Amino acid sequence: MLPVNLENIGSYQMKAKYDAEVDVLTITWHDTPVEESEAISPGVIVDYDQAGNVIGIEILNASRKIENFSPNVQVAISSR
């Protein structure tokens, strides 16, 4: 697994959303376009912007991968 550095994400507005139809949990830090995506382990995808910064993570089959998972996840957190 490749290391994911979240220390330098700067100002952000974190959002988490769960899509029950496809069982995917998406967590984003920035609304910038995804330039590249990388599977860092089976069912875990990291999204990068044009500068190579981590801007989001997708967890496939989230209800099976996360212990005590709640399908009612809808979160927004801001650093501003």
PDB file of N, CA and C in Angstrom:
ATOM      1  N   MET A   1       0.845  -1.174   0.000  1.00  0.00           N
ATOM      2  CA  MET A   1       0.000   0.000   0.000  1.00  0.00           C
ATOM      3  C   MET A   1       0.890   1.236   0.000  1.00  0.00           C
ATOM      4  N   LEU A   2       0.530   2.219  -0.799  1.00  0.00           N
ATOM      5  CA  LEU A   2       1.273   3.472  -0.865  1.00  0.00           C
ATOM      6  C   LEU A   2       0.854   4.389   0.273  1.00  0.00           C
ATOM      7  N   PRO A   3       1.797   5.155   0.836  1.00  0.00           N
ATOM      8  CA  PRO A   3       1.429   6.096   1.898  1.00  0.00           C
ATOM      9  C   PRO A   3       0.606   7.249   1.341  1.00  0.00           C
ATOM     10  N   VAL A   4      -0.362   7.701   2.109  1.00  0.00           N
ATOM     11  CA  VAL A   4      -1.190   8.846   1.725  1.00  0.00           C
ATOM     12  C   VAL A   4      -0.952   9.935   2.756  1.00  0.00           C
ATOM     13  N   ASN A   5      -0.363  11.055   2.331  1.00  0.00           N
ATOM     14  CA  ASN A   5      -0.051  12.159   3.230  1.00  0.00           C
ATOM     15  C   ASN A   5      -1.204  13.147   3.236  1.00  0.00           C
ATOM     16  N   LEU A   6      -1.863  13.292   4.382  1.00  0.00           N
ATOM     17  CA  LEU A   6      -2.982  14.218   4.506  1.00  0.00           C
ATOM     18  C   LEU A   6      -2.588  15.487   5.255  1.00  0.00           C
ATOM     19  N   GLU A   7      -1.303  15.629   5.613  1.00  0.00           N
ATOM     20  CA  GLU A   7      -0.862  16.769   6.405  1.00  0.00           C
ATOM     21  C   GLU A   7      -0.898  18.084   5.645  1.00  0.00           C
ATOM     22  N   ASN A   8      -0.707  18.064   4.346  1.00  0.00           N
ATOM     23  CA  ASN A   8      -0.585  19.295   3.571  1.00  0.00           C
ATOM     24  C   ASN A   8      -1.810  19.588   2.719  1.00  0.00           C
ATOM     25  N   ILE A   9      -2.999  19.283   3.236  1.00  0.00           N
ATOM     26  CA  ILE A   9      -4.191  19.529   2.432  1.00  0.00           C
ATOM     27  C   ILE A   9      -4.679  20.961   2.550  1.00  0.00           C
ATOM     28  N   GLY A  10      -4.084  21.732   3.466  1.00  0.00           N
ATOM     29  CA  GLY A  10      -4.413  23.155   3.577  1.00  0.00           C
ATOM     30  C   GLY A  10      -5.854  23.392   3.987  1.00  0.00           C
ATOM     31  N   SER A  11      -6.402  24.507   3.531  1.00  0.00           N
ATOM     32  CA  SER A  11      -7.789  24.845   3.819  1.00  0.00           C
ATOM     33  C   SER A  11      -8.694  23.853   3.097  1.00  0.00           C
ATOM     34  N   TYR A  12      -9.676  23.356   3.795  1.00  0.00           N
ATOM     35  CA  TYR A  12     -10.512  22.333   3.187  1.00  0.00           C
ATOM     36  C   TYR A  12     -11.946  22.418   3.699  1.00  0.00           C
ATOM     37  N   GLN A  13     -12.816  21.756   2.999  1.00  0.00           N
ATOM     38  CA  GLN A  13     -14.176  21.532   3.455  1.00  0.00           C
ATOM     39  C   GLN A  13     -14.444  20.054   3.232  1.00  0.00           C
ATOM     40  N   MET A  14     -14.284  19.268   4.296  1.00  0.00           N
ATOM     41  CA  MET A  14     -14.446  17.829   4.180  1.00  0.00           C
ATOM     42  C   MET A  14     -15.918  17.468   4.094  1.00  0.00           C
ATOM     43  N   LYS A  15     -16.228  16.585   3.155  1.00  0.00           N
ATOM     44  CA  LYS A  15     -17.591  16.088   3.000  1.00  0.00           C
ATOM     45  C   LYS A  15     -17.536  14.571   2.917  1.00  0.00           C
ATOM     46  N   ALA A  16     -18.474  13.920   3.580  1.00  0.00           N
ATOM     47  CA  ALA A  16     -18.592  12.466   3.494  1.00  0.00           C
ATOM     48  C   ALA A  16     -20.009  12.136   3.071  1.00  0.00           C
ATOM     49  N   LYS A  17     -20.121  11.252   2.103  1.00  0.00           N
ATOM     50  CA  LYS A  17     -21.440  10.871   1.599  1.00  0.00           C
ATOM     51  C   LYS A  17     -21.449   9.383   1.300  1.00  0.00           C
ATOM     52  N   TYR A  18     -22.527   8.733   1.698  1.00  0.00           N
ATOM     53  CA  TYR A  18     -22.678   7.306   1.440  1.00  0.00           C
ATOM     54  C   TYR A  18     -23.778   7.090   0.418  1.00  0.00           C
ATOM     55  N   ASP A  19     -23.487   6.316  -0.610  1.00  0.00           N
ATOM     56  CA  ASP A  19     -24.466   5.959  -1.637  1.00  0.00           C
ATOM     57  C   ASP A  19     -24.834   4.490  -1.429  1.00  0.00           C
ATOM     58  N   ALA A  20     -26.017   4.258  -0.849  1.00  0.00           N
ATOM     59  CA  ALA A  20     -26.450   2.904  -0.509  1.00  0.00           C
ATOM     60  C   ALA A  20     -26.680   2.028  -1.736  1.00  0.00           C
ATOM     61  N   GLU A  21     -27.062   2.634  -2.858  1.00  0.00           N
ATOM     62  CA  GLU A  21     -27.327   1.845  -4.066  1.00  0.00           C
ATOM     63  C   GLU A  21     -26.098   1.095  -4.546  1.00  0.00           C
ATOM     64  N   VAL A  22     -24.941   1.714  -4.413  1.00  0.00           N
ATOM     65  CA  VAL A  22     -23.700   1.082  -4.867  1.00  0.00           C
ATOM     66  C   VAL A  22     -22.749   0.756  -3.714  1.00  0.00           C
ATOM     67  N   ASP A  23     -23.169   1.039  -2.459  1.00  0.00           N
ATOM     68  CA  ASP A  23     -22.391   0.764  -1.249  1.00  0.00           C
ATOM     69  C   ASP A  23     -21.009   1.410  -1.309  1.00  0.00           C
ATOM     70  N   VAL A  24     -20.997   2.725  -1.613  1.00  0.00           N
ATOM     71  CA  VAL A  24     -19.743   3.475  -1.718  1.00  0.00           C
ATOM     72  C   VAL A  24     -19.773   4.665  -0.762  1.00  0.00           C
ATOM     73  N   LEU A  25     -18.729   4.784   0.052  1.00  0.00           N
ATOM     74  CA  LEU A  25     -18.533   5.944   0.915  1.00  0.00           C
ATOM     75  C   LEU A  25     -17.496   6.827   0.247  1.00  0.00           C
ATOM     76  N   THR A  26     -17.858   8.085  -0.003  1.00  0.00           N
ATOM     77  CA  THR A  26     -16.958   9.041  -0.634  1.00  0.00           C
ATOM     78  C   THR A  26     -16.643  10.143   0.364  1.00  0.00           C
ATOM     79  N   ILE A  27     -15.359  10.395   0.573  1.00  0.00           N
ATOM     80  CA  ILE A  27     -14.907  11.464   1.463  1.00  0.00           C
ATOM     81  C   ILE A  27     -14.060  12.404   0.619  1.00  0.00           C
ATOM     82  N   THR A  28     -14.421  13.685   0.595  1.00  0.00           N
ATOM     83  CA  THR A  28     -13.669  14.666  -0.189  1.00  0.00           C
ATOM     84  C   THR A  28     -13.221  15.817   0.695  1.00  0.00           C
ATOM     85  N   TRP A  29     -12.084  16.423   0.318  1.00  0.00           N
ATOM     86  CA  TRP A  29     -11.549  17.589   1.021  1.00  0.00           C
ATOM     87  C   TRP A  29     -11.673  18.851   0.187  1.00  0.00           C
ATOM     88  N   HIS A  30     -11.671  18.703  -1.108  1.00  0.00           N
ATOM     89  CA  HIS A  30     -11.715  19.851  -2.011  1.00  0.00           C
ATOM     90  C   HIS A  30     -12.677  19.555  -3.149  1.00  0.00           C
ATOM     91  N   ASP A  31     -13.281  20.590  -3.705  1.00  0.00           N
ATOM     92  CA  ASP A  31     -14.178  20.427  -4.844  1.00  0.00           C
ATOM     93  C   ASP A  31     -13.452  20.596  -6.172  1.00  0.00           C
ATOM     94  N   THR A  32     -12.138  20.512  -6.158  1.00  0.00           N
ATOM     95  CA  THR A  32     -11.372  20.639  -7.400  1.00  0.00           C
ATOM     96  C   THR A  32     -11.511  19.358  -8.219  1.00  0.00           C
ATOM     97  N   PRO A  33     -11.332  19.451  -9.529  1.00  0.00           N
ATOM     98  CA  PRO A  33     -11.478  18.270 -10.383  1.00  0.00           C
ATOM     99  C   PRO A  33     -10.438  17.191 -10.071  1.00  0.00           C
ATOM    100  N   VAL A  34     -10.859  15.958 -10.196  1.00  0.00           N
ATOM    101  CA  VAL A  34      -9.955  14.823 -10.011  1.00  0.00           C
ATOM    102  C   VAL A  34      -9.109  14.677 -11.268  1.00  0.00           C
ATOM    103  N   GLU A  35      -7.796  14.700 -11.081  1.00  0.00           N
ATOM    104  CA  GLU A  35      -6.865  14.531 -12.200  1.00  0.00           C
ATOM    105  C   GLU A  35      -6.463  13.064 -12.351  1.00  0.00           C
ATOM    106  N   GLU A  36      -6.320  12.392 -11.211  1.00  0.00           N
ATOM    107  CA  GLU A  36      -5.863  11.009 -11.233  1.00  0.00           C
ATOM    108  C   GLU A  36      -6.441  10.277 -10.031  1.00  0.00           C
ATOM    109  N   SER A  37      -6.708   9.007 -10.191  1.00  0.00           N
ATOM    110  CA  SER A  37      -7.177   8.153  -9.100  1.00  0.00           C
ATOM    111  C   SER A  37      -6.272   6.943  -9.010  1.00  0.00           C
ATOM    112  N   GLU A  38      -6.103   6.453  -7.780  1.00  0.00           N
ATOM    113  CA  GLU A  38      -5.213   5.315  -7.570  1.00  0.00           C
ATOM    114  C   GLU A  38      -5.831   4.377  -6.537  1.00  0.00           C
ATOM    115  N   ALA A  39      -5.925   3.111  -6.876  1.00  0.00           N
ATOM    116  CA  ALA A  39      -6.378   2.106  -5.917  1.00  0.00           C
ATOM    117  C   ALA A  39      -5.202   1.780  -5.005  1.00  0.00           C
ATOM    118  N   ILE A  40      -5.325   2.129  -3.719  1.00  0.00           N
ATOM    119  CA  ILE A  40      -4.217   1.893  -2.792  1.00  0.00           C
ATOM    120  C   ILE A  40      -4.356   0.554  -2.076  1.00  0.00           C
ATOM    121  N   SER A  41      -5.542  -0.018  -2.116  1.00  0.00           N
ATOM    122  CA  SER A  41      -5.798  -1.374  -1.641  1.00  0.00           C
ATOM    123  C   SER A  41      -7.121  -1.797  -2.274  1.00  0.00           C
ATOM    124  N   PRO A  42      -7.463  -3.072  -2.221  1.00  0.00           N
ATOM    125  CA  PRO A  42      -8.706  -3.497  -2.864  1.00  0.00           C
ATOM    126  C   PRO A  42      -9.918  -2.718  -2.336  1.00  0.00           C
ATOM    127  N   GLY A  43     -10.581  -1.999  -3.233  1.00  0.00           N
ATOM    128  CA  GLY A  43     -11.782  -1.264  -2.873  1.00  0.00           C
ATOM    129  C   GLY A  43     -11.557   0.080  -2.215  1.00  0.00           C
ATOM    130  N   VAL A  44     -10.313   0.551  -2.157  1.00  0.00           N
ATOM    131  CA  VAL A  44     -10.017   1.872  -1.590  1.00  0.00           C
ATOM    132  C   VAL A  44      -9.281   2.678  -2.656  1.00  0.00           C
ATOM    133  N   ILE A  45      -9.912   3.782  -3.073  1.00  0.00           N
ATOM    134  CA  ILE A  45      -9.387   4.598  -4.166  1.00  0.00           C
ATOM    135  C   ILE A  45      -9.106   6.005  -3.655  1.00  0.00           C
ATOM    136  N   VAL A  46      -7.909   6.499  -3.925  1.00  0.00           N
ATOM    137  CA  VAL A  46      -7.524   7.856  -3.539  1.00  0.00           C
ATOM    138  C   VAL A  46      -7.560   8.724  -4.788  1.00  0.00           C
ATOM    139  N   ASP A  47      -8.175   9.906  -4.670  1.00  0.00           N
ATOM    140  CA  ASP A  47      -8.256  10.854  -5.781  1.00  0.00           C
ATOM    141  C   ASP A  47      -7.274  11.995  -5.555  1.00  0.00           C
ATOM    142  N   TYR A  48      -6.595  12.403  -6.637  1.00  0.00           N
ATOM    143  CA  TYR A  48      -5.602  13.467  -6.588  1.00  0.00           C
ATOM    144  C   TYR A  48      -6.004  14.603  -7.523  1.00  0.00           C
ATOM    145  N   ASP A  49      -5.605  15.834  -7.162  1.00  0.00           N
ATOM    146  CA  ASP A  49      -5.821  16.965  -8.066  1.00  0.00           C
ATOM    147  C   ASP A  49      -4.636  17.069  -9.026  1.00  0.00           C
ATOM    148  N   GLN A  50      -4.621  18.113  -9.840  1.00  0.00           N
ATOM    149  CA  GLN A  50      -3.577  18.289 -10.854  1.00  0.00           C
ATOM    150  C   GLN A  50      -2.185  18.427 -10.242  1.00  0.00           C
ATOM    151  N   ALA A  51      -2.108  18.988  -9.019  1.00  0.00           N
ATOM    152  CA  ALA A  51      -0.819  19.174  -8.349  1.00  0.00           C
ATOM    153  C   ALA A  51      -0.371  17.928  -7.586  1.00  0.00           C
ATOM    154  N   GLY A  52      -1.177  16.869  -7.606  1.00  0.00           N
ATOM    155  CA  GLY A  52      -0.818  15.644  -6.904  1.00  0.00           C
ATOM    156  C   GLY A  52      -1.267  15.594  -5.466  1.00  0.00           C
ATOM    157  N   ASN A  53      -2.095  16.552  -5.044  1.00  0.00           N
ATOM    158  CA  ASN A  53      -2.613  16.574  -3.680  1.00  0.00           C
ATOM    159  C   ASN A  53      -3.806  15.634  -3.541  1.00  0.00           C
ATOM    160  N   VAL A  54      -3.913  14.979  -2.392  1.00  0.00           N
ATOM    161  CA  VAL A  54      -5.069  14.129  -2.119  1.00  0.00           C
ATOM    162  C   VAL A  54      -6.291  15.020  -1.942  1.00  0.00           C
ATOM    163  N   ILE A  55      -7.346  14.750  -2.708  1.00  0.00           N
ATOM    164  CA  ILE A  55      -8.574  15.539  -2.579  1.00  0.00           C
ATOM    165  C   ILE A  55      -9.774  14.677  -2.202  1.00  0.00           C
ATOM    166  N   GLY A  56      -9.587  13.368  -2.164  1.00  0.00           N
ATOM    167  CA  GLY A  56     -10.699  12.516  -1.781  1.00  0.00           C
ATOM    168  C   GLY A  56     -10.331  11.049  -1.705  1.00  0.00           C
ATOM    169  N   ILE A  57     -11.220  10.295  -1.056  1.00  0.00           N
ATOM    170  CA  ILE A  57     -11.063   8.852  -0.918  1.00  0.00           C
ATOM    171  C   ILE A  57     -12.425   8.217  -1.156  1.00  0.00           C
ATOM    172  N   GLU A  58     -12.442   7.129  -1.893  1.00  0.00           N
ATOM    173  CA  GLU A  58     -13.667   6.362  -2.105  1.00  0.00           C
ATOM    174  C   GLU A  58     -13.457   4.969  -1.520  1.00  0.00           C
ATOM    175  N   ILE A  59     -14.438   4.499  -0.763  1.00  0.00           N
ATOM    176  CA  ILE A  59     -14.371   3.162  -0.188  1.00  0.00           C
ATOM    177  C   ILE A  59     -15.519   2.351  -0.773  1.00  0.00           C
ATOM    178  N   LEU A  60     -15.165   1.377  -1.608  1.00  0.00           N
ATOM    179  CA  LEU A  60     -16.151   0.511  -2.230  1.00  0.00           C
ATOM    180  C   LEU A  60     -16.561  -0.582  -1.242  1.00  0.00           C
ATOM    181  N   ASN A  61     -17.810  -1.029  -1.321  1.00  0.00           N
ATOM    182  CA  ASN A  61     -18.333  -2.035  -0.384  1.00  0.00           C
ATOM    183  C   ASN A  61     -18.131  -1.577   1.059  1.00  0.00           C
ATOM    184  N   ALA A  62     -18.411  -0.311   1.299  1.00  0.00           N
ATOM    185  CA  ALA A  62     -18.135   0.329   2.589  1.00  0.00           C
ATOM    186  C   ALA A  62     -18.805  -0.374   3.763  1.00  0.00           C
ATOM    187  N   SER A  63     -20.031  -0.818   3.593  1.00  0.00           N
ATOM    188  CA  SER A  63     -20.742  -1.438   4.714  1.00  0.00           C
ATOM    189  C   SER A  63     -20.090  -2.744   5.152  1.00  0.00           C
ATOM    190  N   ARG A  64     -19.311  -3.362   4.285  1.00  0.00           N
ATOM    191  CA  ARG A  64     -18.617  -4.602   4.632  1.00  0.00           C
ATOM    192  C   ARG A  64     -17.194  -4.356   5.112  1.00  0.00           C
ATOM    193  N   LYS A  65     -16.638  -3.177   4.806  1.00  0.00           N
ATOM    194  CA  LYS A  65     -15.240  -2.893   5.151  1.00  0.00           C
ATOM    195  C   LYS A  65     -15.071  -2.117   6.452  1.00  0.00           C
ATOM    196  N   ILE A  66     -16.095  -1.360   6.851  1.00  0.00           N
ATOM    197  CA  ILE A  66     -15.964  -0.482   8.011  1.00  0.00           C
ATOM    198  C   ILE A  66     -16.761  -1.056   9.177  1.00  0.00           C
ATOM    199  N   GLU A  67     -16.063  -1.321  10.273  1.00  0.00           N
ATOM    200  CA  GLU A  67     -16.705  -1.864  11.462  1.00  0.00           C
ATOM    201  C   GLU A  67     -17.693  -0.844  12.032  1.00  0.00           C
ATOM    202  N   ASN A  68     -18.846  -1.303  12.467  1.00  0.00           N
ATOM    203  CA  ASN A  68     -19.911  -0.453  13.029  1.00  0.00           C
ATOM    204  C   ASN A  68     -20.341   0.638  12.053  1.00  0.00           C
ATOM    205  N   PHE A  69     -20.399   0.312  10.788  1.00  0.00           N
ATOM    206  CA  PHE A  69     -20.749   1.282   9.751  1.00  0.00           C
ATOM    207  C   PHE A  69     -22.202   1.713   9.871  1.00  0.00           C
ATOM    208  N   SER A  70     -22.441   3.008   9.736  1.00  0.00           N
ATOM    209  CA  SER A  70     -23.799   3.556   9.711  1.00  0.00           C
ATOM    210  C   SER A  70     -24.084   4.061   8.304  1.00  0.00           C
ATOM    211  N   PRO A  71     -25.145   3.574   7.660  1.00  0.00           N
ATOM    212  CA  PRO A  71     -25.453   4.020   6.303  1.00  0.00           C
ATOM    213  C   PRO A  71     -26.013   5.434   6.231  1.00  0.00           C
ATOM    214  N   ASN A  72     -26.163   6.101   7.345  1.00  0.00           N
ATOM    215  CA  ASN A  72     -26.714   7.457   7.368  1.00  0.00           C
ATOM    216  C   ASN A  72     -25.637   8.527   7.359  1.00  0.00           C
ATOM    217  N   VAL A  73     -24.472   8.221   6.833  1.00  0.00           N
ATOM    218  CA  VAL A  73     -23.347   9.158   6.836  1.00  0.00           C
ATOM    219  C   VAL A  73     -23.599  10.302   5.861  1.00  0.00           C
ATOM    220  N   GLN A  74     -23.629  11.499   6.359  1.00  0.00           N
ATOM    221  CA  GLN A  74     -23.682  12.735   5.575  1.00  0.00           C
ATOM    222  C   GLN A  74     -22.990  13.778   6.455  1.00  0.00           C
ATOM    223  N   VAL A  75     -21.776  14.144   6.140  1.00  0.00           N
ATOM    224  CA  VAL A  75     -20.980  15.015   6.999  1.00  0.00           C
ATOM    225  C   VAL A  75     -20.362  16.137   6.182  1.00  0.00           C
ATOM    226  N   ALA A  76     -20.261  17.313   6.789  1.00  0.00           N
ATOM    227  CA  ALA A  76     -19.515  18.422   6.188  1.00  0.00           C
ATOM    228  C   ALA A  76     -18.747  19.119   7.299  1.00  0.00           C
ATOM    229  N   ILE A  77     -17.434  19.237   7.141  1.00  0.00           N
ATOM    230  CA  ILE A  77     -16.564  19.890   8.119  1.00  0.00           C
ATOM    231  C   ILE A  77     -15.679  20.868   7.369  1.00  0.00           C
ATOM    232  N   SER A  78     -15.493  22.063   7.919  1.00  0.00           N
ATOM    233  CA  SER A  78     -14.685  23.073   7.244  1.00  0.00           C
ATOM    234  C   SER A  78     -13.547  23.530   8.139  1.00  0.00           C
ATOM    235  N   SER A  79     -12.401  23.820   7.526  1.00  0.00           N
ATOM    236  CA  SER A  79     -11.255  24.342   8.273  1.00  0.00           C
ATOM    237  C   SER A  79     -11.260  25.859   8.309  1.00  0.00           C
ATOM    238  N   ARG A  80     -12.192  26.464   7.634  1.00  0.00           N
ATOM    239  CA  ARG A  80     -12.218  27.926   7.526  1.00  0.00           C
ATOM    240  C   ARG A  80     -12.863  28.574   8.700  1.00  0.00           C
TER     241      ARG A  80
END
